[in-house]
Amino acid sequence: MLAQLNTFALLGIDAVPVQVEVDTSPSQQPRTVIVGLPEMAVRESIHRIERALVNLGYRLPTGRTVVNLAPADLRKDAGAFDLPIALGLIASMGQIAADKIETFAIVGELALDGIVRPVVGALSMAMEARTRGIDKLIVPVANAREASVVREVEVYGVGSLAEAVGIVTGLAPIDPVSPPTDDIEAKLNKYTIDFADVKGQEFAKRALTVAASGAHNVVMLGSPGSGKTMLARRLPTILPPLTPNESLETTRVYSAVGKLQPGESLLCTRPFRSPHHTISDAGMVGGGSVPQPGEISLAHHGVLFLDELPEFNRRSLEALRQPLEEGRVTISRAAHSTTFPADFVLCAAMNPCPCGFLGDPKKPCKCAPIAVEKYMGRISGPLLDRIDLHIEVPPVPFEDLSKPGDGTGSAAMREQVFAARAIQAQRFGTQAGGLNGRMTSKQIRTFCVLDADGQTTLKEAMEALGLSARAHDRILRVARTIADLAASERITQDHVAEAIGFRALDRKLWER
């Protein structure tokens, strides 16, 4: 008897439909084989499935059983096929009625006692089920909340194989999981940290307000203990709340790599990723024999913070150049290529020299000039060109540290950011980019027109600093954001001068 079921395989962060076909026929020697390009995790599943069936009181096949996972040219490598194969085996032997089983899509890994364990990528599978017109999805109970976000699909969370049997046969019906909207709204854009915690550093706060307003990349330069990390960690607190689509896109990445917290259905705050400088190229941009998303994709619609920037492997840093321009990264392998989203704000921090005290007013630098030059040379010019704001973060004087009261807080900075972004939303509408930091060359020519004084100021800076054409466009983007913060339709000379002032590294540390 032939039984057919719907399930999904995960390819990167995308769910691919797979049909499970189970056929049992009489034979002198019982044998079960799995075909359809299964990897080791899938080939071993038959042992888990058989023990689970025996422990729940079901009969094992007494003849020859073939389990086919179609399409045959797609590699299958996950434990999520356990539950659909087990249900297919029971149905193929006539132990349950199989007339309704094809209306479900089913995923789940089985324990030997029949308990259903969670899988990765449940959200992507629910989205693909919606695309394919499948309106019922059975997932492990631990994955039910994230999958239930897709409202067009009825999601059933099961804790055991017995519960799954009850649902597909209708003998033990349960209600589908309700979308967790109230819980999401309560957690949306809630942070326990605030820019008011940072004493002094008003210039750096202004720069980060500009960065958040236009989605500009920023690097902070300063001696140890000046507050660079504190500032960077508070950058997400002034970014606008995630929109429903942004939350869904970002959550999908976290779901595919199994990084969602237990019971978490959607990410409610913008991600903040801070990888260690020993990270590999694949860990940064994604990779592996079966491509997996890296840190830049986990920072999608959020902030990627690289502390001690020169300490990162140069290849890992150079791999950021294309994602910074395009907002996505493509990982190519012999069998296939996968594209991951990577639209993030890069925030980096670095010391001015190996010892960290070059230019410090109180502690002398002990580094030789050649050591400083080598240290700074680890950051390439092309990567620096893609960072819009270069700001200095000097040590905070004792008077500022001991001053009562708080400095500028996240609430005040957030108001400025929201106002500037509202202007950009009105300006760009549905055009590609939608933010000043993402403007195309055509949009720059349209929306960043300078008057004669602004042109003169920019020309002098270009000649004095030896800036590239890309840096020229970056300055115009930043100037446009500064004008938006001032609610000015025109970009004035003062806006251009402030934007040029945010190119401190071009002016002081790098020879062009």
Protein backbone atom coordinates (compact mmCIF):
# COMPACT_ATOMS: atom_id res chain seq x y z
CA MET A 1 0.00 0.00 0.00
CA LEU A 2 1.31 3.46 -0.95
CA ALA A 3 1.14 6.46 1.38
CA GLN A 4 2.15 10.01 0.36
CA LEU A 5 2.86 12.92 2.69
CA ASN A 6 4.08 16.52 2.37
CA THR A 7 7.12 17.83 4.22
CA PHE A 8 9.97 20.28 3.72
CA ALA A 9 13.75 20.34 3.52
CA LEU A 10 15.77 23.38 4.53
CA LEU A 11 18.23 24.82 2.00
CA GLY A 12 20.02 27.75 3.59
CA ILE A 13 17.10 29.71 5.02
CA ASP A 14 14.66 28.59 2.32
CA ALA A 15 12.23 25.70 2.74
CA VAL A 16 11.96 23.35 -0.23
CA PRO A 17 8.89 21.10 -0.60
CA VAL A 18 9.59 17.37 -0.34
CA GLN A 19 7.12 14.55 -0.89
CA VAL A 20 7.50 11.45 1.27
CA GLU A 21 6.33 8.29 -0.51
CA VAL A 22 6.15 5.08 1.53
CA ASP A 23 5.30 1.79 -0.15
CA THR A 24 5.12 -1.57 1.65
CA SER A 25 4.82 -4.88 -0.20
CA PRO A 26 5.07 -8.56 0.85
CA SER A 27 8.53 -10.06 1.03
CA GLN A 28 10.20 -13.07 2.65
CA GLN A 29 12.70 -10.88 4.49
CA PRO A 30 11.60 -7.60 6.12
CA ARG A 31 13.67 -4.67 4.93
CA THR A 32 13.23 -0.90 4.86
CA VAL A 33 15.30 1.34 2.57
CA ILE A 34 15.31 5.13 2.16
CA VAL A 35 16.06 6.57 -1.28
CA GLY A 36 16.09 10.10 -2.65
CA LEU A 37 19.66 11.26 -1.86
CA PRO A 38 19.46 10.98 1.95
CA GLU A 39 22.46 12.04 4.03
CA MET A 40 23.60 10.15 7.12
CA ALA A 41 21.14 11.85 9.50
CA VAL A 42 18.25 10.71 7.29
CA ARG A 43 19.59 7.21 6.63
CA GLU A 44 19.89 6.63 10.38
CA SER A 45 16.34 7.84 10.97
CA ILE A 46 14.82 4.43 10.23
CA HIS A 47 16.33 3.06 13.46
CA ARG A 48 14.82 5.88 15.52
CA ILE A 49 11.47 5.49 13.78
CA GLU A 50 11.26 1.72 14.28
CA ARG A 51 12.01 1.95 18.00
CA ALA A 52 9.46 4.76 18.40
CA LEU A 53 6.79 2.68 16.64
CA VAL A 54 7.48 -0.40 18.77
CA ASN A 55 7.47 1.61 22.00
CA LEU A 56 4.08 3.09 21.09
CA GLY A 57 2.59 -0.30 20.23
CA TYR A 58 2.54 -0.11 16.42
CA ARG A 59 3.52 -3.03 14.18
CA LEU A 60 6.69 -2.87 12.12
CA PRO A 61 6.65 -3.64 8.39
CA THR A 62 6.89 -7.36 7.71
CA GLY A 63 7.72 -7.01 4.02
CA ARG A 64 9.86 -4.81 1.80
CA THR A 65 9.35 -1.10 2.40
CA VAL A 66 10.72 1.67 0.22
CA VAL A 67 10.72 5.27 1.46
CA ASN A 68 11.26 7.76 -1.36
CA LEU A 69 12.05 11.42 -0.67
CA ALA A 70 11.27 13.40 -3.80
CA PRO A 71 12.76 15.25 -5.60
CA ALA A 72 15.54 12.72 -5.90
CA ASP A 73 18.27 15.25 -6.83
CA LEU A 74 17.92 17.31 -3.63
CA ARG A 75 20.13 16.28 -0.72
CA LYS A 76 18.15 15.56 2.45
CA ASP A 77 20.08 16.17 5.66
CA ALA A 78 17.97 16.70 8.77
CA GLY A 79 16.04 14.83 11.43
CA ALA A 80 12.85 16.68 10.45
CA PHE A 81 11.85 13.79 8.16
CA ASP A 82 11.37 11.37 11.09
CA LEU A 83 7.75 12.25 11.83
CA PRO A 84 6.42 12.18 8.24
CA ILE A 85 8.25 8.90 7.51
CA ALA A 86 6.81 7.33 10.68
CA LEU A 87 3.27 8.41 9.78
CA GLY A 88 3.83 7.14 6.24
CA LEU A 89 4.93 3.73 7.53
CA ILE A 90 1.84 3.41 9.74
CA ALA A 91 -0.44 4.50 6.91
CA SER A 92 1.19 2.20 4.33
CA MET A 93 0.47 -0.80 6.55
CA GLY A 94 -3.17 0.22 7.03
CA GLN A 95 -2.84 0.89 10.76
CA ILE A 96 -4.39 4.34 10.33
CA ALA A 97 -6.73 5.83 7.75
CA ALA A 98 -4.66 7.71 5.18
CA ASP A 99 -7.42 9.59 3.38
CA LYS A 100 -6.69 12.96 5.09
CA ILE A 101 -2.96 12.68 5.57
CA GLU A 102 -2.13 14.35 2.23
CA THR A 103 -3.83 17.59 3.33
CA PHE A 104 -1.11 18.16 5.96
CA ALA A 105 2.54 19.14 5.78
CA ILE A 106 4.47 17.44 8.58
CA VAL A 107 7.92 17.99 10.11
CA GLY A 108 9.53 16.72 13.30
CA GLU A 109 12.34 14.63 14.76
CA LEU A 110 11.48 11.56 16.82
CA ALA A 111 13.00 10.29 20.05
CA LEU A 112 13.02 6.54 20.73
CA ASP A 113 9.98 6.85 23.01
CA GLY A 114 7.94 8.68 20.36
CA ILE A 115 8.46 12.20 21.71
CA VAL A 116 8.73 14.84 18.95
CA ARG A 117 11.83 17.01 19.19
CA PRO A 118 12.13 20.54 17.73
CA VAL A 119 13.57 21.28 14.30
CA VAL A 120 15.16 24.35 12.71
CA GLY A 121 13.50 26.48 10.04
CA ALA A 122 9.87 26.00 11.10
CA LEU A 123 9.04 29.60 10.14
CA SER A 124 10.43 29.17 6.62
CA MET A 125 8.46 25.94 6.29
CA ALA A 126 5.22 27.66 7.30
CA MET A 127 5.89 30.42 4.76
CA GLU A 128 6.52 27.85 2.03
CA ALA A 129 3.37 25.96 3.01
CA ARG A 130 1.42 29.17 2.50
CA THR A 131 3.05 29.63 -0.92
CA ARG A 132 2.17 26.06 -1.91
CA GLY A 133 -1.45 26.36 -0.80
CA ILE A 134 -1.07 23.89 2.09
CA ASP A 135 -3.25 25.19 4.89
CA LYS A 136 -2.38 22.67 7.65
CA LEU A 137 1.06 22.19 9.17
CA ILE A 138 2.12 19.81 11.95
CA VAL A 139 5.29 20.84 13.77
CA PRO A 140 6.91 20.00 17.13
CA VAL A 141 5.21 21.85 19.96
CA ALA A 142 8.44 23.79 20.62
CA ASN A 143 8.25 25.26 17.11
CA ALA A 144 4.51 25.95 17.06
CA ARG A 145 4.64 29.61 18.15
CA GLU A 146 7.13 30.70 15.51
CA ALA A 147 5.30 28.85 12.73
CA SER A 148 1.91 30.23 13.82
CA VAL A 149 3.05 33.72 12.80
CA VAL A 150 1.99 32.77 9.26
CA ARG A 151 -1.72 33.33 9.75
CA GLU A 152 -2.85 31.70 6.51
CA VAL A 153 -1.66 28.27 7.74
CA GLU A 154 -3.25 26.32 10.60
CA VAL A 155 -0.33 25.20 12.75
CA TYR A 156 -0.66 22.20 15.08
CA GLY A 157 2.00 21.65 17.72
CA VAL A 158 2.53 18.03 18.72
CA GLY A 159 4.59 16.61 21.56
CA SER A 160 4.53 12.99 20.45
CA LEU A 161 3.91 10.69 17.51
CA ALA A 162 0.63 9.61 19.14
CA GLU A 163 -0.66 13.21 19.06
CA ALA A 164 0.27 13.53 15.38
CA VAL A 165 -1.64 10.32 14.63
CA GLY A 166 -4.67 11.71 16.45
CA ILE A 167 -4.62 14.90 14.37
CA VAL A 168 -4.25 13.31 10.92
CA THR A 169 -6.93 10.71 11.65
CA GLY A 170 -9.30 13.13 13.38
CA LEU A 171 -9.63 10.79 16.37
CA ALA A 172 -8.01 13.22 18.82
CA PRO A 173 -8.50 16.67 17.31
CA ILE A 174 -6.79 19.69 18.88
CA ASP A 175 -7.12 23.37 18.07
CA PRO A 176 -4.44 25.07 15.97
CA VAL A 177 -2.02 27.40 17.74
CA SER A 178 -3.13 31.05 17.84
CA PRO A 179 -0.74 33.75 16.57
CA PRO A 180 0.97 35.45 19.57
CA THR A 181 0.19 39.08 18.66
CA ASP A 182 -0.36 40.47 22.18
CA ASP A 183 2.92 39.06 23.45
CA ILE A 184 4.82 40.61 20.54
CA GLU A 185 3.34 44.08 21.05
CA ALA A 186 4.26 44.01 24.75
CA LYS A 187 7.93 43.29 23.96
CA LEU A 188 8.30 45.47 20.86
CA ASN A 189 11.28 47.84 20.98
CA LYS A 190 11.84 47.37 24.74
CA TYR A 191 15.44 47.90 25.92
CA THR A 192 17.08 47.84 29.34
CA ILE A 193 19.95 50.15 28.28
CA ASP A 194 19.90 53.82 27.35
CA PHE A 195 22.27 56.42 25.92
CA ALA A 196 21.73 58.37 29.14
CA ASP A 197 23.99 55.78 30.78
CA VAL A 198 26.93 57.20 28.80
CA LYS A 199 28.48 60.23 30.45
CA GLY A 200 29.75 62.91 28.10
CA GLN A 201 30.54 61.93 24.48
CA GLU A 202 27.93 64.30 23.06
CA PHE A 203 29.80 64.50 19.75
CA ALA A 204 29.72 60.70 19.42
CA LYS A 205 26.01 60.66 20.29
CA ARG A 206 25.38 63.23 17.56
CA ALA A 207 27.28 61.06 15.06
CA LEU A 208 25.31 57.97 16.05
CA THR A 209 22.07 59.93 15.68
CA VAL A 210 23.12 60.73 12.12
CA ALA A 211 24.07 57.09 11.54
CA ALA A 212 20.71 55.82 12.80
CA SER A 213 18.75 58.43 10.85
CA GLY A 214 20.15 57.45 7.48
CA ALA A 215 21.40 53.89 8.12
CA HIS A 216 25.02 54.97 7.73
CA ASN A 217 27.99 52.81 8.69
CA VAL A 218 30.22 54.20 11.44
CA VAL A 219 33.63 53.53 12.98
CA MET A 220 34.69 54.92 16.36
CA LEU A 221 38.33 55.62 17.19
CA GLY A 222 39.51 56.12 20.76
CA SER A 223 41.68 54.90 23.59
CA PRO A 224 40.58 52.01 25.83
CA GLY A 225 37.79 52.86 28.27
CA SER A 226 36.50 55.91 26.42
CA GLY A 227 33.04 54.37 25.96
CA LYS A 228 33.08 53.02 22.40
CA THR A 229 31.45 49.70 23.28
CA MET A 230 28.83 51.34 25.50
CA LEU A 231 27.88 53.66 22.66
CA ALA A 232 27.70 50.88 20.10
CA ARG A 233 25.50 48.64 22.24
CA ARG A 234 22.97 51.45 22.59
CA LEU A 235 22.69 52.16 18.87
CA PRO A 236 19.69 49.79 18.39
CA THR A 237 17.75 51.73 21.05
CA ILE A 238 17.36 54.73 18.74
CA LEU A 239 16.55 52.79 15.58
CA PRO A 240 12.87 52.61 14.55
CA PRO A 241 10.95 49.50 15.70
CA LEU A 242 11.01 46.52 13.40
CA THR A 243 8.17 46.54 10.91
CA PRO A 244 6.19 43.27 10.58
CA ASN A 245 7.98 42.40 7.34
CA GLU A 246 11.42 43.19 8.78
CA SER A 247 10.70 41.11 11.86
CA LEU A 248 9.56 38.19 9.72
CA GLU A 249 12.67 38.36 7.49
CA THR A 250 15.06 38.52 10.43
CA THR A 251 13.26 35.86 12.47
CA ARG A 252 13.42 33.56 9.46
CA VAL A 253 17.23 33.69 9.55
CA TYR A 254 17.34 32.96 13.28
CA SER A 255 14.84 30.12 12.88
CA ALA A 256 16.94 28.50 10.14
CA VAL A 257 20.02 28.32 12.37
CA GLY A 258 18.14 27.40 15.55
CA LYS A 259 18.92 30.62 17.43
CA LEU A 260 15.38 31.58 18.44
CA GLN A 261 14.87 31.54 22.19
CA PRO A 262 12.44 28.88 23.54
CA GLY A 263 8.89 30.11 23.15
CA GLU A 264 9.95 33.10 21.02
CA SER A 265 7.80 33.56 17.93
CA LEU A 266 9.17 36.76 16.38
CA LEU A 267 12.14 39.00 17.09
CA CYS A 268 10.78 42.12 18.77
CA THR A 269 13.95 44.23 18.78
CA ARG A 270 16.54 44.86 16.13
CA PRO A 271 19.40 42.35 16.35
CA PHE A 272 22.78 43.38 17.69
CA ARG A 273 25.60 41.03 16.75
CA SER A 274 29.11 41.37 18.16
CA PRO A 275 31.35 38.54 16.87
CA HIS A 276 34.81 37.96 18.33
CA HIS A 277 37.76 39.03 16.19
CA THR A 278 38.87 35.39 15.79
CA ILE A 279 35.79 34.62 13.68
CA SER A 280 36.37 32.79 10.39
CA ASP A 281 35.35 33.99 6.94
CA ALA A 282 32.46 31.52 6.85
CA GLY A 283 31.35 32.57 10.31
CA MET A 284 31.26 36.20 9.22
CA VAL A 285 29.56 36.04 5.83
CA GLY A 286 28.18 32.48 5.82
CA GLY A 287 29.34 29.28 4.20
CA GLY A 288 29.92 25.59 4.74
CA SER A 289 29.38 22.60 2.45
CA VAL A 290 25.68 23.21 2.98
CA PRO A 291 25.63 27.04 3.10
CA GLN A 292 24.54 28.53 6.41
CA PRO A 293 24.03 32.23 7.18
CA GLY A 294 26.82 34.07 8.99
CA GLU A 295 26.95 37.00 11.39
CA ILE A 296 26.11 39.57 8.74
CA SER A 297 22.84 37.77 8.03
CA LEU A 298 22.07 37.39 11.74
CA ALA A 299 22.47 41.19 11.91
CA HIS A 300 19.91 41.69 9.11
CA HIS A 301 17.84 44.84 9.82
CA GLY A 302 20.02 45.46 12.87
CA VAL A 303 23.56 46.36 13.91
CA LEU A 304 26.80 44.46 13.33
CA PHE A 305 29.38 45.62 15.88
CA LEU A 306 33.04 44.81 15.22
CA ASP A 307 35.09 45.66 18.29
CA GLU A 308 38.88 45.97 17.84
CA LEU A 309 38.42 46.23 14.08
CA PRO A 310 42.12 45.86 13.07
CA GLU A 311 42.34 42.58 14.99
CA PHE A 312 39.90 40.86 12.62
CA ASN A 313 41.28 38.69 9.86
CA ARG A 314 41.78 40.85 6.77
CA ARG A 315 39.96 38.37 4.54
CA SER A 316 36.95 38.43 6.86
CA LEU A 317 36.84 42.22 6.67
CA GLU A 318 37.27 42.35 2.90
CA ALA A 319 34.40 39.90 2.54
CA LEU A 320 32.13 42.62 3.97
CA ARG A 321 32.63 44.93 1.00
CA GLN A 322 30.02 43.42 -1.31
CA PRO A 323 27.32 42.93 1.37
CA LEU A 324 27.77 46.53 2.52
CA GLU A 325 26.97 47.70 -0.99
CA GLU A 326 24.20 45.26 -1.93
CA GLY A 327 22.52 44.31 1.36
CA ARG A 328 22.84 40.60 0.64
CA VAL A 329 25.49 37.92 0.19
CA THR A 330 25.57 34.98 -2.21
CA ILE A 331 27.37 31.78 -1.20
CA SER A 332 28.20 29.61 -4.23
CA ARG A 333 29.02 25.92 -4.09
CA ALA A 334 29.44 23.29 -6.80
CA ALA A 335 25.91 21.95 -6.40
CA HIS A 336 24.03 25.21 -5.87
CA SER A 337 24.26 28.80 -4.67
CA THR A 338 22.30 30.43 -1.85
CA THR A 339 21.58 34.11 -1.24
CA PHE A 340 21.21 35.37 2.32
CA PRO A 341 19.91 38.80 3.36
CA ALA A 342 22.51 41.10 4.94
CA ASP A 343 21.08 44.62 5.23
CA PHE A 344 22.67 45.95 8.42
CA VAL A 345 24.33 49.01 9.92
CA LEU A 346 28.04 48.39 10.48
CA CYS A 347 29.36 49.90 13.72
CA ALA A 348 33.05 49.34 14.38
CA ALA A 349 35.43 50.39 17.14
CA MET A 350 39.20 50.52 17.19
CA ASN A 351 42.16 51.90 19.09
CA PRO A 352 44.44 54.47 17.43
CA CYS A 353 47.51 52.24 17.88
CA PRO A 354 48.46 48.80 19.28
CA CYS A 355 48.81 50.09 22.85
CA GLY A 356 45.72 52.24 22.45
CA PHE A 357 47.00 55.56 23.76
CA LEU A 358 48.17 57.45 20.68
CA GLY A 359 46.94 61.02 21.15
CA ASP A 360 45.74 60.39 24.72
CA PRO A 361 46.24 63.56 26.79
CA LYS A 362 47.36 61.70 29.92
CA LYS A 363 48.95 58.39 28.92
CA PRO A 364 51.88 58.40 26.51
CA CYS A 365 51.93 56.07 23.50
CA LYS A 366 54.73 53.48 23.56
CA CYS A 367 54.34 52.28 19.99
CA ALA A 368 56.96 52.84 17.32
CA PRO A 369 55.75 54.73 14.22
CA ILE A 370 56.20 51.63 12.06
CA ALA A 371 54.01 49.64 14.48
CA VAL A 372 51.27 52.27 14.31
CA GLU A 373 51.45 52.32 10.52
CA LYS A 374 51.26 48.53 10.32
CA TYR A 375 48.34 48.46 12.77
CA MET A 376 46.34 51.01 10.79
CA GLY A 377 47.27 49.33 7.52
CA ARG A 378 45.16 46.33 8.47
CA ILE A 379 42.09 48.33 7.43
CA SER A 380 42.02 48.66 3.67
CA GLY A 381 41.08 51.84 1.84
CA PRO A 382 38.19 50.18 -0.07
CA LEU A 383 36.60 49.03 3.20
CA LEU A 384 37.11 52.43 4.80
CA ASP A 385 35.42 54.05 1.81
CA ARG A 386 32.27 52.09 2.61
CA ILE A 387 32.11 53.48 6.15
CA ASP A 388 30.35 56.84 6.12
CA LEU A 389 31.23 58.22 9.55
CA HIS A 390 34.67 58.15 11.20
CA ILE A 391 34.45 59.65 14.68
CA GLU A 392 36.90 60.15 17.49
CA VAL A 393 35.84 59.14 21.00
CA PRO A 394 38.25 60.83 23.44
CA PRO A 395 38.59 59.89 27.12
CA VAL A 396 35.84 61.35 29.31
CA PRO A 397 37.08 64.00 31.79
CA PHE A 398 36.47 63.46 35.49
CA GLU A 399 34.17 66.47 35.60
CA ASP A 400 31.78 64.81 33.12
CA LEU A 401 31.92 61.46 34.92
CA SER A 402 31.10 63.01 38.29
CA LYS A 403 28.50 65.47 36.98
CA PRO A 404 25.05 64.76 38.45
CA GLY A 405 22.20 63.94 36.10
CA ASP A 406 22.15 62.15 32.80
CA GLY A 407 23.38 63.20 29.40
CA THR A 408 21.40 63.00 26.20
CA GLY A 409 19.20 59.90 26.38
CA SER A 410 17.83 57.48 23.84
CA ALA A 411 14.34 59.01 23.90
CA ALA A 412 15.53 62.42 22.70
CA MET A 413 17.83 60.91 20.09
CA ARG A 414 15.06 58.59 18.91
CA GLU A 415 12.72 61.51 18.31
CA GLN A 416 15.27 63.08 15.96
CA VAL A 417 15.79 59.77 14.16
CA PHE A 418 12.07 59.20 13.68
CA ALA A 419 11.58 62.73 12.32
CA ALA A 420 14.44 62.33 9.84
CA ARG A 421 13.21 58.93 8.71
CA ALA A 422 9.70 60.30 8.18
CA ILE A 423 11.17 62.86 5.79
CA GLN A 424 13.04 60.09 3.93
CA ALA A 425 9.89 57.96 3.71
CA GLN A 426 8.08 60.89 2.11
CA ARG A 427 10.99 61.56 -0.23
CA PHE A 428 11.63 58.02 -1.51
CA GLY A 429 8.17 56.48 -1.24
CA THR A 430 8.38 52.97 -2.64
CA GLN A 431 11.69 53.53 -4.46
CA ALA A 432 14.56 51.11 -3.94
CA GLY A 433 16.68 51.90 -0.90
CA GLY A 434 14.29 54.10 1.03
CA LEU A 435 17.03 55.55 3.26
CA ASN A 436 19.76 58.10 2.64
CA GLY A 437 22.50 55.59 3.39
CA ARG A 438 21.12 53.28 0.69
CA MET A 439 20.66 55.88 -2.08
CA THR A 440 21.67 54.90 -5.59
CA SER A 441 23.84 57.12 -7.78
CA LYS A 442 20.76 58.36 -9.61
CA GLN A 443 19.02 59.23 -6.35
CA ILE A 444 22.12 61.08 -5.13
CA ARG A 445 22.08 63.25 -8.26
CA THR A 446 18.39 63.95 -7.70
CA PHE A 447 18.22 64.58 -3.95
CA CYS A 448 21.74 65.79 -3.05
CA VAL A 449 22.12 68.91 -5.16
CA LEU A 450 24.59 71.40 -3.61
CA ASP A 451 24.71 75.16 -3.95
CA ALA A 452 27.91 76.96 -5.02
CA ASP A 453 29.31 77.24 -1.48
CA GLY A 454 28.63 73.58 -0.79
CA GLN A 455 30.29 72.57 -4.05
CA THR A 456 33.38 74.61 -3.18
CA THR A 457 33.64 73.11 0.29
CA LEU A 458 33.32 69.57 -1.02
CA LYS A 459 35.83 70.18 -3.82
CA GLU A 460 38.43 71.52 -1.39
CA ALA A 461 37.94 68.51 0.89
CA MET A 462 38.25 66.09 -2.02
CA GLU A 463 41.55 67.64 -3.09
CA ALA A 464 42.98 68.03 0.41
CA LEU A 465 42.08 64.52 1.64
CA GLY A 466 42.44 62.68 -1.66
CA LEU A 467 38.96 61.19 -1.35
CA SER A 468 37.64 58.66 -3.84
CA ALA A 469 34.46 58.93 -5.89
CA ARG A 470 32.79 56.53 -3.46
CA ALA A 471 33.77 58.71 -0.50
CA HIS A 472 32.36 61.70 -2.40
CA ASP A 473 28.99 59.98 -2.64
CA ARG A 474 29.14 58.90 1.00
CA ILE A 475 29.68 62.50 2.10
CA LEU A 476 26.68 63.60 0.05
CA ARG A 477 24.52 60.90 1.65
CA VAL A 478 25.57 61.97 5.14
CA ALA A 479 25.02 65.65 4.29
CA ARG A 480 21.52 64.80 3.11
CA THR A 481 20.81 63.09 6.44
CA ILE A 482 22.18 66.04 8.42
CA ALA A 483 19.90 68.35 6.42
CA ASP A 484 16.94 66.07 7.19
CA LEU A 485 17.75 66.23 10.90
CA ALA A 486 17.61 70.01 10.57
CA ALA A 487 14.33 69.73 8.59
CA SER A 488 15.99 71.52 5.68
CA GLU A 489 15.07 70.83 2.08
CA ARG A 490 18.39 72.26 0.88
CA ILE A 491 21.84 70.90 1.70
CA THR A 492 23.78 73.93 2.91
CA GLN A 493 27.50 74.51 3.29
CA ASP A 494 27.25 73.82 7.04
CA HIS A 495 25.70 70.40 6.37
CA VAL A 496 28.50 69.52 3.95
CA ALA A 497 31.15 70.75 6.39
CA GLU A 498 29.74 68.61 9.20
CA ALA A 499 29.64 65.56 6.92
CA ILE A 500 33.29 66.14 5.97
CA GLY A 501 34.12 66.49 9.66
CA PHE A 502 32.93 62.93 10.14
CA ARG A 503 35.81 61.68 7.92
CA ALA A 504 38.42 61.87 10.70
CA LEU A 505 40.34 58.78 9.62
CA ASP A 506 40.82 60.07 6.08
CA ARG A 507 42.19 63.27 7.51
CA LYS A 508 44.48 61.97 10.25
CA LEU A 509 45.45 58.33 9.98
CA TRP A 510 45.47 57.05 6.44
CA GLU A 511 47.76 58.24 3.70
CA ARG A 512 45.96 58.25 0.37
